[in-house]
């Protein structure tokens, strides 16, 4: 874990209520796809946890949705603004289990961590299929970015205004060797019943500290309570206890 000052170099809207922020700073603590950062905002007690979308050299890319006062403040920050970030948080995805044709499933703001994961898997010579789920066409983002990497991409919208009508489970490919996913809990529960292989889930939880001290994001697993921020956010399919 590292506490570092980053400088915003770009902060723009890319879909309904969704913004892409690129920052420059020391990214050396970020090792794995699926990690997150915790952003300190002036006037707010708790930091904001945001998944890492991409990292190239000293440039960090974050994609976030405006859901409250904190992220609203973030969306209004111009280039040149300095932010203090905790980096190197979370365990990230284990790529060694992927097989030769992994499936990546992202729902809404669960899409961003899939991007760096796709880059890493493709660099290993894997064939990568991606399913992106949204509610409506105006929420869709990063479809072209995944295609530009060389992924096979399917997009679903609940209302059918773009891509496949329905949920991510309505667009799963027939063949894949393993799956990785990030998104909301209802999607996770449906996906858990629909997938044919083992896989890894990256959970979205409200976090207080971001490094396991406050115990505010604990969840039950087959091997005991785990803190989403410290022991996760990625958990393997076989260890998760699903509740209605």
C-alpha atoms as a PDB file:
ATOM      1  CA  UNK A   1       0.000   0.000   0.000  1.00  0.00           C
ATOM      2  CA  UNK A   2       1.251   3.451  -0.892  1.00  0.00           C
ATOM      3  CA  UNK A   3      -0.063   6.954  -0.142  1.00  0.00           C
ATOM      4  CA  UNK A   4       0.764   9.185  -3.107  1.00  0.00           C
ATOM      5  CA  UNK A   5      -0.147  12.486  -4.738  1.00  0.00           C
ATOM      6  CA  UNK A   6      -1.471  12.176  -8.297  1.00  0.00           C
ATOM      7  CA  UNK A   7      -2.273  14.963 -10.766  1.00  0.00           C
ATOM      8  CA  UNK A   8      -5.368  14.825 -12.981  1.00  0.00           C
ATOM      9  CA  UNK A   9      -4.501  15.047 -16.682  1.00  0.00           C
ATOM     10  CA  UNK A  10      -7.995  14.284 -18.007  1.00  0.00           C
ATOM     11  CA  UNK A  11     -11.478  14.047 -16.510  1.00  0.00           C
ATOM     12  CA  UNK A  12     -14.342  13.656 -18.963  1.00  0.00           C
ATOM     13  CA  UNK A  13     -17.848  12.234 -19.222  1.00  0.00           C
ATOM     14  CA  UNK A  14     -18.032   9.064 -21.339  1.00  0.00           C
ATOM     15  CA  UNK A  15     -21.608   7.846 -20.681  1.00  0.00           C
ATOM     16  CA  UNK A  16     -24.630   8.716 -18.576  1.00  0.00           C
ATOM     17  CA  UNK A  17     -23.259   9.710 -15.134  1.00  0.00           C
ATOM     18  CA  UNK A  18     -19.967   7.934 -15.942  1.00  0.00           C
ATOM     19  CA  UNK A  19     -16.596   9.686 -16.073  1.00  0.00           C
ATOM     20  CA  UNK A  20     -13.092   8.710 -17.130  1.00  0.00           C
ATOM     21  CA  UNK A  21     -10.256  10.203 -15.096  1.00  0.00           C
ATOM     22  CA  UNK A  22      -6.598   9.873 -16.073  1.00  0.00           C
ATOM     23  CA  UNK A  23      -3.981  10.802 -13.500  1.00  0.00           C
ATOM     24  CA  UNK A  24      -0.188  10.972 -13.443  1.00  0.00           C
ATOM     25  CA  UNK A  25       1.798   9.798 -10.442  1.00  0.00           C
ATOM     26  CA  UNK A  26       3.705   6.920  -8.874  1.00  0.00           C
ATOM     27  CA  UNK A  27       1.874   3.768  -9.956  1.00  0.00           C
ATOM     28  CA  UNK A  28       4.553   1.346  -8.768  1.00  0.00           C
ATOM     29  CA  UNK A  29       2.361  -0.129  -6.001  1.00  0.00           C
ATOM     30  CA  UNK A  30      -0.282  -1.261  -8.521  1.00  0.00           C
ATOM     31  CA  UNK A  31       0.585  -4.832  -9.473  1.00  0.00           C
ATOM     32  CA  UNK A  32      -2.552  -6.783 -10.442  1.00  0.00           C
ATOM     33  CA  UNK A  33      -5.677  -6.295 -12.516  1.00  0.00           C
ATOM     34  CA  UNK A  34      -8.601  -6.050 -10.120  1.00  0.00           C
ATOM     35  CA  UNK A  35      -6.897  -3.837  -7.537  1.00  0.00           C
ATOM     36  CA  UNK A  36      -8.441  -0.536  -6.462  1.00  0.00           C
ATOM     37  CA  UNK A  37      -7.371   2.857  -5.174  1.00  0.00           C
ATOM     38  CA  UNK A  38      -8.839   4.942  -2.359  1.00  0.00           C
ATOM     39  CA  UNK A  39      -9.185   8.654  -3.133  1.00  0.00           C
ATOM     40  CA  UNK A  40      -9.067  11.345  -0.462  1.00  0.00           C
ATOM     41  CA  UNK A  41     -11.419  14.258  -1.118  1.00  0.00           C
ATOM     42  CA  UNK A  42     -11.277  17.532   0.791  1.00  0.00           C
ATOM     43  CA  UNK A  43     -14.315  17.921   3.017  1.00  0.00           C
ATOM     44  CA  UNK A  44     -15.172  14.209   3.085  1.00  0.00           C
ATOM     45  CA  UNK A  45     -14.222  11.920   5.948  1.00  0.00           C
ATOM     46  CA  UNK A  46     -14.156   8.641   4.034  1.00  0.00           C
ATOM     47  CA  UNK A  47     -12.060   8.047   0.954  1.00  0.00           C
ATOM     48  CA  UNK A  48     -13.712   6.856  -2.284  1.00  0.00           C
ATOM     49  CA  UNK A  49     -12.703   3.366  -3.487  1.00  0.00           C
ATOM     50  CA  UNK A  50     -12.401   3.175  -7.290  1.00  0.00           C
ATOM     51  CA  UNK A  51     -11.310   0.155  -9.336  1.00  0.00           C
ATOM     52  CA  UNK A  52      -8.199   0.460 -11.470  1.00  0.00           C
ATOM     53  CA  UNK A  53      -9.209   0.497 -15.133  1.00  0.00           C
ATOM     54  CA  UNK A  54      -5.743   0.757 -16.642  1.00  0.00           C
ATOM     55  CA  UNK A  55      -2.148   1.642 -15.786  1.00  0.00           C
ATOM     56  CA  UNK A  56       0.556   2.495 -18.309  1.00  0.00           C
ATOM     57  CA  UNK A  57       3.826   3.813 -16.958  1.00  0.00           C
ATOM     58  CA  UNK A  58       2.993   6.667 -14.601  1.00  0.00           C
ATOM     59  CA  UNK A  59      -0.553   7.152 -15.954  1.00  0.00           C
ATOM     60  CA  UNK A  60      -3.483   5.687 -14.045  1.00  0.00           C
ATOM     61  CA  UNK A  61      -6.969   5.449 -15.585  1.00  0.00           C
ATOM     62  CA  UNK A  62     -10.068   5.341 -13.381  1.00  0.00           C
ATOM     63  CA  UNK A  63     -13.704   5.147 -14.471  1.00  0.00           C
ATOM     64  CA  UNK A  64     -16.344   6.089 -11.940  1.00  0.00           C
ATOM     65  CA  UNK A  65     -20.057   6.782 -11.741  1.00  0.00           C
ATOM     66  CA  UNK A  66     -21.552   9.831 -10.069  1.00  0.00           C
ATOM     67  CA  UNK A  67     -23.713   8.375  -7.310  1.00  0.00           C
ATOM     68  CA  UNK A  68     -23.333  10.891  -4.482  1.00  0.00           C
ATOM     69  CA  UNK A  69     -21.727  14.128  -3.350  1.00  0.00           C
ATOM     70  CA  UNK A  70     -18.182  12.769  -3.366  1.00  0.00           C
ATOM     71  CA  UNK A  71     -18.207  11.486  -6.921  1.00  0.00           C
ATOM     72  CA  UNK A  72     -20.080  14.626  -8.009  1.00  0.00           C
ATOM     73  CA  UNK A  73     -17.178  16.678  -6.668  1.00  0.00           C
ATOM     74  CA  UNK A  74     -14.752  14.388  -8.517  1.00  0.00           C
ATOM     75  CA  UNK A  75     -16.615  14.888 -11.799  1.00  0.00           C
ATOM     76  CA  UNK A  76     -16.099  18.667 -11.579  1.00  0.00           C
ATOM     77  CA  UNK A  77     -12.331  18.534 -11.011  1.00  0.00           C
ATOM     78  CA  UNK A  78     -10.284  20.074 -13.856  1.00  0.00           C
ATOM     79  CA  UNK A  79      -6.949  18.904 -15.223  1.00  0.00           C
ATOM     80  CA  UNK A  80      -4.121  19.962 -12.951  1.00  0.00           C
ATOM     81  CA  UNK A  81      -5.980  19.132  -9.734  1.00  0.00           C
ATOM     82  CA  UNK A  82      -3.928  17.134  -7.245  1.00  0.00           C
ATOM     83  CA  UNK A  83      -5.443  14.176  -5.404  1.00  0.00           C
ATOM     84  CA  UNK A  84      -4.054  11.960  -2.661  1.00  0.00           C
ATOM     85  CA  UNK A  85      -4.523   8.253  -3.433  1.00  0.00           C
ATOM     86  CA  UNK A  86      -3.884   5.065  -1.538  1.00  0.00           C
ATOM     87  CA  UNK A  87      -2.673   2.603  -4.186  1.00  0.00           C
ATOM     88  CA  UNK A  88      -1.857  -1.094  -4.179  1.00  0.00           C
ATOM     89  CA  UNK A  89      -5.134  -2.035  -2.462  1.00  0.00           C
ATOM     90  CA  UNK A  90      -6.919  -5.376  -2.891  1.00  0.00           C
ATOM     91  CA  UNK A  91      -5.712  -8.754  -4.052  1.00  0.00           C
ATOM     92  CA  UNK A  92      -6.634  -8.556  -7.746  1.00  0.00           C
ATOM     93  CA  UNK A  93      -7.431 -11.405 -10.115  1.00  0.00           C
ATOM     94  CA  UNK A  94      -5.417 -14.628 -10.337  1.00  0.00           C
ATOM     95  CA  UNK A  95      -4.567 -15.025 -14.023  1.00  0.00           C
ATOM     96  CA  UNK A  96      -2.929 -18.422 -13.612  1.00  0.00           C
ATOM     97  CA  UNK A  97      -6.321 -20.177 -13.543  1.00  0.00           C
ATOM     98  CA  UNK A  98      -7.716 -18.678 -16.760  1.00  0.00           C
ATOM     99  CA  UNK A  99      -7.074 -21.462 -19.253  1.00  0.00           C
ATOM    100  CA  UNK A 100      -6.697 -20.523 -22.906  1.00  0.00           C
ATOM    101  CA  UNK A 101     -10.124 -18.901 -23.444  1.00  0.00           C
ATOM    102  CA  UNK A 102     -11.240 -16.836 -20.430  1.00  0.00           C
ATOM    103  CA  UNK A 103     -14.601 -15.051 -20.264  1.00  0.00           C
ATOM    104  CA  UNK A 104     -14.797 -11.571 -18.729  1.00  0.00           C
ATOM    105  CA  UNK A 105     -18.195 -10.269 -17.561  1.00  0.00           C
ATOM    106  CA  UNK A 106     -18.660  -6.682 -16.417  1.00  0.00           C
ATOM    107  CA  UNK A 107     -21.854  -5.015 -15.264  1.00  0.00           C
ATOM    108  CA  UNK A 108     -22.102  -1.202 -15.213  1.00  0.00           C
ATOM    109  CA  UNK A 109     -19.227   0.274 -13.205  1.00  0.00           C
ATOM    110  CA  UNK A 110     -17.940  -3.289 -12.846  1.00  0.00           C
ATOM    111  CA  UNK A 111     -16.696  -2.967 -16.441  1.00  0.00           C
ATOM    112  CA  UNK A 112     -13.496  -0.911 -15.806  1.00  0.00           C
ATOM    113  CA  UNK A 113     -11.353  -3.557 -14.016  1.00  0.00           C
ATOM    114  CA  UNK A 114     -12.118  -5.956 -16.865  1.00  0.00           C
ATOM    115  CA  UNK A 115     -10.097  -3.725 -19.207  1.00  0.00           C
ATOM    116  CA  UNK A 116      -6.707  -4.113 -17.533  1.00  0.00           C
ATOM    117  CA  UNK A 117      -7.498  -7.790 -16.959  1.00  0.00           C
ATOM    118  CA  UNK A 118      -8.185  -8.246 -20.681  1.00  0.00           C
ATOM    119  CA  UNK A 119      -4.893  -6.546 -21.564  1.00  0.00           C
ATOM    120  CA  UNK A 120      -2.941  -8.819 -19.229  1.00  0.00           C
ATOM    121  CA  UNK A 121      -4.629 -11.997 -20.490  1.00  0.00           C
ATOM    122  CA  UNK A 122      -4.173 -11.052 -24.142  1.00  0.00           C
ATOM    123  CA  UNK A 123      -0.497 -10.392 -23.447  1.00  0.00           C
ATOM    124  CA  UNK A 124      -0.281 -14.025 -22.324  1.00  0.00           C
ATOM    125  CA  UNK A 125      -1.654 -15.160 -25.680  1.00  0.00           C
ATOM    126  CA  UNK A 126      -5.140 -16.001 -24.410  1.00  0.00           C
ATOM    127  CA  UNK A 127      -8.336 -15.719 -26.447  1.00  0.00           C
ATOM    128  CA  UNK A 128     -10.567 -13.329 -24.485  1.00  0.00           C
ATOM    129  CA  UNK A 129     -14.373 -13.070 -24.706  1.00  0.00           C
ATOM    130  CA  UNK A 130     -16.087 -10.127 -23.006  1.00  0.00           C
ATOM    131  CA  UNK A 131     -19.732  -9.543 -22.072  1.00  0.00           C
ATOM    132  CA  UNK A 132     -20.699  -6.048 -20.906  1.00  0.00           C
ATOM    133  CA  UNK A 133     -24.064  -5.428 -19.266  1.00  0.00           C
ATOM    134  CA  UNK A 134     -25.929  -2.114 -18.923  1.00  0.00           C
ATOM    135  CA  UNK A 135     -29.489  -0.925 -18.343  1.00  0.00           C
ATOM    136  CA  UNK A 136     -29.861   1.329 -21.388  1.00  0.00           C
ATOM    137  CA  UNK A 137     -27.934   2.462 -24.472  1.00  0.00           C
ATOM    138  CA  UNK A 138     -26.888   5.782 -22.918  1.00  0.00           C
ATOM    139  CA  UNK A 139     -24.999   3.903 -20.186  1.00  0.00           C
ATOM    140  CA  UNK A 140     -22.826   1.862 -22.571  1.00  0.00           C
ATOM    141  CA  UNK A 141     -19.093   2.553 -22.520  1.00  0.00           C
ATOM    142  CA  UNK A 142     -15.775   0.920 -23.468  1.00  0.00           C
ATOM    143  CA  UNK A 143     -17.209  -1.499 -26.041  1.00  0.00           C
ATOM    144  CA  UNK A 144     -14.860  -0.090 -28.691  1.00  0.00           C
ATOM    145  CA  UNK A 145     -11.931  -0.083 -26.264  1.00  0.00           C
ATOM    146  CA  UNK A 146     -12.256  -3.832 -25.679  1.00  0.00           C
ATOM    147  CA  UNK A 147     -12.655  -4.480 -29.415  1.00  0.00           C
ATOM    148  CA  UNK A 148      -9.529  -2.427 -30.103  1.00  0.00           C
ATOM    149  CA  UNK A 149      -7.593  -4.754 -27.795  1.00  0.00           C
ATOM    150  CA  UNK A 150      -8.734  -7.744 -29.859  1.00  0.00           C
ATOM    151  CA  UNK A 151     -11.453  -9.152 -27.592  1.00  0.00           C
ATOM    152  CA  UNK A 152     -14.691 -10.771 -28.754  1.00  0.00           C
ATOM    153  CA  UNK A 153     -17.336  -8.440 -27.296  1.00  0.00           C
ATOM    154  CA  UNK A 154     -21.061  -8.724 -26.612  1.00  0.00           C
ATOM    155  CA  UNK A 155     -23.095  -5.894 -25.081  1.00  0.00           C
ATOM    156  CA  UNK A 156     -26.459  -6.328 -23.355  1.00  0.00           C
ATOM    157  CA  UNK A 157     -29.017  -3.760 -22.249  1.00  0.00           C
ATOM    158  CA  UNK A 158     -31.962  -4.534 -20.028  1.00  0.00           C
ATOM    159  CA  UNK A 159     -34.370  -2.475 -22.153  1.00  0.00           C
ATOM    160  CA  UNK A 160     -33.005  -3.715 -25.492  1.00  0.00           C
ATOM    161  CA  UNK A 161     -32.033  -0.224 -26.667  1.00  0.00           C
ATOM    162  CA  UNK A 162     -28.573  -1.495 -27.644  1.00  0.00           C
ATOM    163  CA  UNK A 163     -27.005  -4.876 -28.296  1.00  0.00           C
ATOM    164  CA  UNK A 164     -28.630  -8.014 -26.905  1.00  0.00           C
ATOM    165  CA  UNK A 165     -31.835  -7.381 -24.994  1.00  0.00           C
ATOM    166  CA  UNK A 166     -31.649  -8.753 -21.478  1.00  0.00           C
ATOM    167  CA  UNK A 167     -28.909  -9.486 -18.987  1.00  0.00           C
ATOM    168  CA  UNK A 168     -25.301 -10.664 -19.261  1.00  0.00           C
ATOM    169  CA  UNK A 169     -26.525 -14.217 -18.763  1.00  0.00           C
ATOM    170  CA  UNK A 170     -28.393 -13.889 -22.079  1.00  0.00           C
ATOM    171  CA  UNK A 171     -25.158 -13.351 -24.016  1.00  0.00           C
ATOM    172  CA  UNK A 172     -22.708 -15.847 -22.563  1.00  0.00           C
ATOM    173  CA  UNK A 173     -20.640 -17.683 -25.201  1.00  0.00           C
ATOM    174  CA  UNK A 174     -20.919 -21.431 -25.592  1.00  0.00           C
ATOM    175  CA  UNK A 175     -17.233 -22.076 -25.026  1.00  0.00           C
ATOM    176  CA  UNK A 176     -14.850 -20.663 -22.405  1.00  0.00           C
ATOM    177  CA  UNK A 177     -12.366 -22.140 -19.973  1.00  0.00           C
ATOM    178  CA  UNK A 178     -12.827 -19.864 -16.940  1.00  0.00           C
ATOM    179  CA  UNK A 179     -14.599 -16.631 -16.026  1.00  0.00           C
ATOM    180  CA  UNK A 180     -13.836 -13.361 -14.273  1.00  0.00           C
ATOM    181  CA  UNK A 181     -16.480 -10.835 -13.282  1.00  0.00           C
ATOM    182  CA  UNK A 182     -17.196  -7.559 -11.510  1.00  0.00           C
ATOM    183  CA  UNK A 183     -20.587  -5.951 -11.016  1.00  0.00           C
ATOM    184  CA  UNK A 184     -23.657  -5.751  -8.783  1.00  0.00           C
ATOM    185  CA  UNK A 185     -24.829  -8.569  -6.514  1.00  0.00           C
ATOM    186  CA  UNK A 186     -28.002  -9.482  -8.494  1.00  0.00           C
ATOM    187  CA  UNK A 187     -25.820 -10.041 -11.566  1.00  0.00           C
ATOM    188  CA  UNK A 188     -23.428 -12.171  -9.529  1.00  0.00           C
ATOM    189  CA  UNK A 189     -26.193 -14.439  -8.263  1.00  0.00           C
ATOM    190  CA  UNK A 190     -27.628 -14.951 -11.751  1.00  0.00           C
ATOM    191  CA  UNK A 191     -24.184 -15.497 -13.235  1.00  0.00           C
ATOM    192  CA  UNK A 192     -23.255 -18.014 -10.542  1.00  0.00           C
ATOM    193  CA  UNK A 193     -26.172 -20.195 -11.659  1.00  0.00           C
ATOM    194  CA  UNK A 194     -25.485 -19.773 -15.383  1.00  0.00           C
ATOM    195  CA  UNK A 195     -21.736 -20.296 -15.729  1.00  0.00           C
ATOM    196  CA  UNK A 196     -20.245 -23.649 -16.716  1.00  0.00           C
ATOM    197  CA  UNK A 197     -16.806 -23.258 -15.162  1.00  0.00           C
ATOM    198  CA  UNK A 198     -15.023 -22.027 -12.071  1.00  0.00           C
ATOM    199  CA  UNK A 199     -14.226 -18.347 -11.821  1.00  0.00           C
ATOM    200  CA  UNK A 200     -13.571 -15.255  -9.743  1.00  0.00           C
ATOM    201  CA  UNK A 201     -15.932 -12.531  -8.531  1.00  0.00           C
ATOM    202  CA  UNK A 202     -14.771  -9.006  -7.655  1.00  0.00           C
ATOM    203  CA  UNK A 203     -17.186  -7.556  -5.111  1.00  0.00           C
ATOM    204  CA  UNK A 204     -18.363  -3.965  -4.910  1.00  0.00           C
ATOM    205  CA  UNK A 205     -18.729  -2.949  -1.266  1.00  0.00           C
ATOM    206  CA  UNK A 206     -18.831   0.287   0.700  1.00  0.00           C
ATOM    207  CA  UNK A 207     -15.437   0.555   2.370  1.00  0.00           C
ATOM    208  CA  UNK A 208     -14.373   2.670   5.304  1.00  0.00           C
ATOM    209  CA  UNK A 209     -10.597   2.436   5.453  1.00  0.00           C
ATOM    210  CA  UNK A 210      -9.744   0.372   2.353  1.00  0.00           C
ATOM    211  CA  UNK A 211      -7.028  -1.716   4.011  1.00  0.00           C
ATOM    212  CA  UNK A 212      -8.790  -3.999   6.498  1.00  0.00           C
ATOM    213  CA  UNK A 213      -8.652  -2.042   9.753  1.00  0.00           C
ATOM    214  CA  UNK A 214     -12.288  -1.054  10.233  1.00  0.00           C
ATOM    215  CA  UNK A 215     -13.896  -4.446   9.373  1.00  0.00           C
ATOM    216  CA  UNK A 216     -16.757  -2.549   7.716  1.00  0.00           C
ATOM    217  CA  UNK A 217     -16.823  -4.634   4.547  1.00  0.00           C
ATOM    218  CA  UNK A 218     -16.618  -8.169   5.968  1.00  0.00           C
ATOM    219  CA  UNK A 219     -18.467 -11.042   4.337  1.00  0.00           C
ATOM    220  CA  UNK A 220     -18.947 -14.727   5.125  1.00  0.00           C
ATOM    221  CA  UNK A 221     -17.118 -17.388   3.122  1.00  0.00           C
ATOM    222  CA  UNK A 222     -16.589 -21.114   3.491  1.00  0.00           C
ATOM    223  CA  UNK A 223     -13.249 -20.364   5.156  1.00  0.00           C
ATOM    224  CA  UNK A 224     -14.598 -17.746   7.567  1.00  0.00           C
ATOM    225  CA  UNK A 225     -15.181 -14.003   7.462  1.00  0.00           C
ATOM    226  CA  UNK A 226     -13.181 -12.093   4.860  1.00  0.00           C
ATOM    227  CA  UNK A 227     -12.694  -8.359   4.427  1.00  0.00           C
ATOM    228  CA  UNK A 228     -13.547  -7.325   0.875  1.00  0.00           C
ATOM    229  CA  UNK A 229     -10.936  -4.551   0.892  1.00  0.00           C
ATOM    230  CA  UNK A 230      -8.061  -6.611   2.310  1.00  0.00           C
ATOM    231  CA  UNK A 231      -8.795 -10.294   1.572  1.00  0.00           C
ATOM    232  CA  UNK A 232     -10.629  -9.354  -1.625  1.00  0.00           C
ATOM    233  CA  UNK A 233     -12.206  -7.733  -3.499  1.00  0.00           C
ATOM    234  CA  UNK A 234     -11.705 -10.863  -5.605  1.00  0.00           C
ATOM    235  CA  UNK A 235     -13.057 -14.153  -4.253  1.00  0.00           C
ATOM    236  CA  UNK A 236     -13.130 -17.537  -5.972  1.00  0.00           C
ATOM    237  CA  UNK A 237     -16.499 -19.027  -6.912  1.00  0.00           C
ATOM    238  CA  UNK A 238     -16.078 -22.079  -4.675  1.00  0.00           C
ATOM    239  CA  UNK A 239     -15.521 -20.096  -1.450  1.00  0.00           C
ATOM    240  CA  UNK A 240     -18.528 -17.757  -1.686  1.00  0.00           C
ATOM    241  CA  UNK A 241     -21.619 -18.326   0.472  1.00  0.00           C
ATOM    242  CA  UNK A 242     -24.592 -17.000  -1.507  1.00  0.00           C
ATOM    243  CA  UNK A 243     -27.591 -15.682   0.442  1.00  0.00           C
ATOM    244  CA  UNK A 244     -30.989 -14.583  -0.849  1.00  0.00           C
END
